[in-house]
Amino acid sequence: MYEVLAQKLETGALIILDGGTGTDIQRRGVPMNDEVWCAMANLTHGDSVREVHEDYIRASAEIVTANTYASSPLSFASLGREDEIADIDRTAVRLAREAVERLATTPVSVAGSISTMPPIARGTDRVEQPVWEEAHVG
């Protein structure tokens, strides 16, 4: 799978990415959390999360983004629930991979996404620490 992407990058070919995974989860009516936005949907509404990935695969995405954007220590610190991040991220990756296994007829890769900001509604500034060092995807 990843060899296909590497070859496309080397030749300058177009690679089709998915869109706003969290936004599409929210559009489906999945309840959002004020502190961690769409992150909890991985555990509470896995079918909806998987369906978002499936829709992007049907639309010819070659890379789908696991729903990991909002599951950073920055978001979970205020809740005192940092211990849940690893499970949430693993579930996000599993759901994306399941969608690929179910529908992909051509190579589709799974990527992750990490936010460097707490939820926007809180009005805080971008954080300088490298949050990707704390990502918990296995």
Protein backbone atom coordinates (compact mmCIF):
# COMPACT_ATOMS: atom_id res chain seq x y z
CA MET A 1 0.00 0.00 0.00
CA TYR A 2 2.55 2.54 1.12
CA GLU A 3 4.82 1.64 -1.78
CA VAL A 4 2.05 2.83 -4.12
CA LEU A 5 1.98 6.19 -2.31
CA ALA A 6 5.76 6.47 -2.40
CA GLN A 7 5.78 5.81 -6.12
CA LYS A 8 3.07 8.41 -6.71
CA LEU A 9 4.98 10.96 -4.66
CA GLU A 10 8.17 10.25 -6.58
CA THR A 11 6.44 10.72 -9.93
CA GLY A 12 4.41 13.75 -8.87
CA ALA A 13 1.10 11.94 -9.40
CA LEU A 14 -2.07 13.12 -7.70
CA ILE A 15 -2.99 11.43 -4.41
CA ILE A 16 -6.58 11.78 -3.24
CA LEU A 17 -7.04 12.38 0.49
CA ASP A 18 -10.25 12.21 2.47
CA GLY A 19 -11.85 15.31 3.96
CA GLY A 20 -12.68 16.52 7.45
CA THR A 21 -13.28 13.27 9.30
CA GLY A 22 -14.40 14.89 12.56
CA THR A 23 -16.64 17.36 10.77
CA ASP A 24 -18.31 14.54 8.85
CA ILE A 25 -18.81 12.56 12.06
CA GLN A 26 -20.49 15.62 13.56
CA ARG A 27 -22.67 16.08 10.44
CA ARG A 28 -24.04 12.58 11.02
CA GLY A 29 -25.51 13.77 14.30
CA VAL A 30 -22.98 12.07 16.57
CA PRO A 31 -22.88 13.95 19.88
CA MET A 32 -19.72 16.01 20.30
CA ASN A 33 -17.88 16.67 23.55
CA ASP A 34 -17.07 20.29 24.39
CA GLU A 35 -13.61 19.33 25.62
CA VAL A 36 -12.55 16.65 23.13
CA TRP A 37 -14.90 17.29 20.17
CA CYS A 38 -15.17 14.11 18.06
CA ALA A 39 -12.60 11.92 19.85
CA MET A 40 -15.07 9.99 21.99
CA ALA A 41 -17.06 8.97 18.89
CA ASN A 42 -14.46 6.26 18.31
CA LEU A 43 -15.72 4.51 21.45
CA THR A 44 -19.37 5.58 21.48
CA HIS A 45 -20.30 5.65 17.76
CA GLY A 46 -17.79 3.42 16.01
CA ASP A 47 -20.21 2.50 13.23
CA SER A 48 -20.63 6.16 12.30
CA VAL A 49 -16.87 6.73 12.33
CA ARG A 50 -16.32 3.69 10.09
CA GLU A 51 -19.10 4.84 7.74
CA VAL A 52 -17.36 8.20 7.27
CA HIS A 53 -14.22 6.38 6.15
CA GLU A 54 -16.28 4.11 3.90
CA ASP A 55 -17.87 7.13 2.21
CA TYR A 56 -14.45 8.59 1.47
CA ILE A 57 -13.26 5.26 0.07
CA ARG A 58 -16.34 5.18 -2.18
CA ALA A 59 -15.37 8.69 -3.31
CA SER A 60 -11.93 7.36 -4.38
CA ALA A 61 -9.82 8.49 -1.42
CA GLU A 62 -6.40 6.86 -1.45
CA ILE A 63 -5.70 7.95 2.12
CA VAL A 64 -8.25 8.00 4.93
CA THR A 65 -7.47 9.81 8.16
CA ALA A 66 -8.19 7.95 11.39
CA ASN A 67 -10.27 9.99 13.82
CA THR A 68 -7.28 10.95 15.98
CA TYR A 69 -7.23 14.74 15.50
CA ALA A 70 -8.89 15.60 18.81
CA SER A 71 -7.42 12.82 20.95
CA SER A 72 -4.31 14.63 22.10
CA PRO A 73 -3.02 15.21 25.62
CA LEU A 74 -3.88 18.88 25.12
CA SER A 75 -7.56 18.07 24.82
CA PHE A 76 -7.77 15.35 27.45
CA ALA A 77 -5.63 17.04 30.12
CA SER A 78 -8.44 19.30 31.28
CA LEU A 79 -10.64 16.24 31.82
CA GLY A 80 -8.01 14.26 33.70
CA ARG A 81 -8.61 11.40 31.24
CA GLU A 82 -5.23 11.14 29.50
CA ASP A 83 -5.22 7.41 30.25
CA GLU A 84 -7.99 6.92 27.65
CA ILE A 85 -6.05 8.35 24.70
CA ALA A 86 -4.25 5.15 23.72
CA ASP A 87 -7.49 3.16 23.55
CA ILE A 88 -9.26 5.92 21.63
CA ASP A 89 -6.42 6.18 19.10
CA ARG A 90 -6.13 2.41 18.63
CA THR A 91 -9.88 2.22 18.08
CA ALA A 92 -9.72 5.08 15.57
CA VAL A 93 -7.05 3.29 13.55
CA ARG A 94 -8.92 -0.02 13.76
CA LEU A 95 -12.13 1.58 12.46
CA ALA A 96 -10.30 3.17 9.52
CA ARG A 97 -8.56 -0.12 8.69
CA GLU A 98 -11.88 -1.99 8.86
CA ALA A 99 -13.36 0.44 6.35
CA VAL A 100 -10.40 -0.16 4.04
CA GLU A 101 -10.72 -3.94 4.40
CA ARG A 102 -14.47 -3.83 3.70
CA LEU A 103 -14.51 -1.57 0.66
CA ALA A 104 -11.17 -0.80 -0.92
CA THR A 105 -10.68 -2.32 -4.36
CA THR A 106 -7.48 -0.33 -4.89
CA PRO A 107 -4.76 0.49 -2.33
CA VAL A 108 -5.97 2.82 0.44
CA SER A 109 -3.65 3.90 3.26
CA VAL A 110 -4.61 4.96 6.77
CA ALA A 111 -3.06 8.13 8.20
CA GLY A 112 -3.30 9.79 11.58
CA SER A 113 -3.85 13.42 12.47
CA ILE A 114 -2.71 15.32 15.56
CA SER A 115 -3.95 18.72 16.68
CA THR A 116 -1.65 21.22 18.32
CA MET A 117 -4.58 23.11 19.80
CA PRO A 118 -7.13 22.45 22.50
CA PRO A 119 -10.74 22.83 21.30
CA ILE A 120 -11.20 26.18 19.52
CA ALA A 121 -14.21 27.08 21.63
CA ARG A 122 -11.90 27.54 24.58
CA GLY A 123 -10.12 30.40 22.81
CA THR A 124 -6.58 29.28 23.62
CA ASP A 125 -3.53 29.83 21.46
CA ARG A 126 -1.58 27.23 19.51
CA VAL A 127 0.70 25.23 21.76
CA GLU A 128 4.41 25.02 21.01
CA GLN A 129 5.14 21.58 22.50
CA PRO A 130 5.50 18.70 20.03
CA VAL A 131 2.31 16.76 20.81
CA TRP A 132 3.12 14.12 18.19
CA GLU A 133 5.74 12.77 20.58
CA GLU A 134 2.90 11.66 22.84
CA ALA A 135 0.73 10.04 20.14
CA HIS A 136 -0.48 6.61 21.18
CA VAL A 137 -1.10 4.58 18.06
CA GLY A 138 -0.01 0.98 18.05
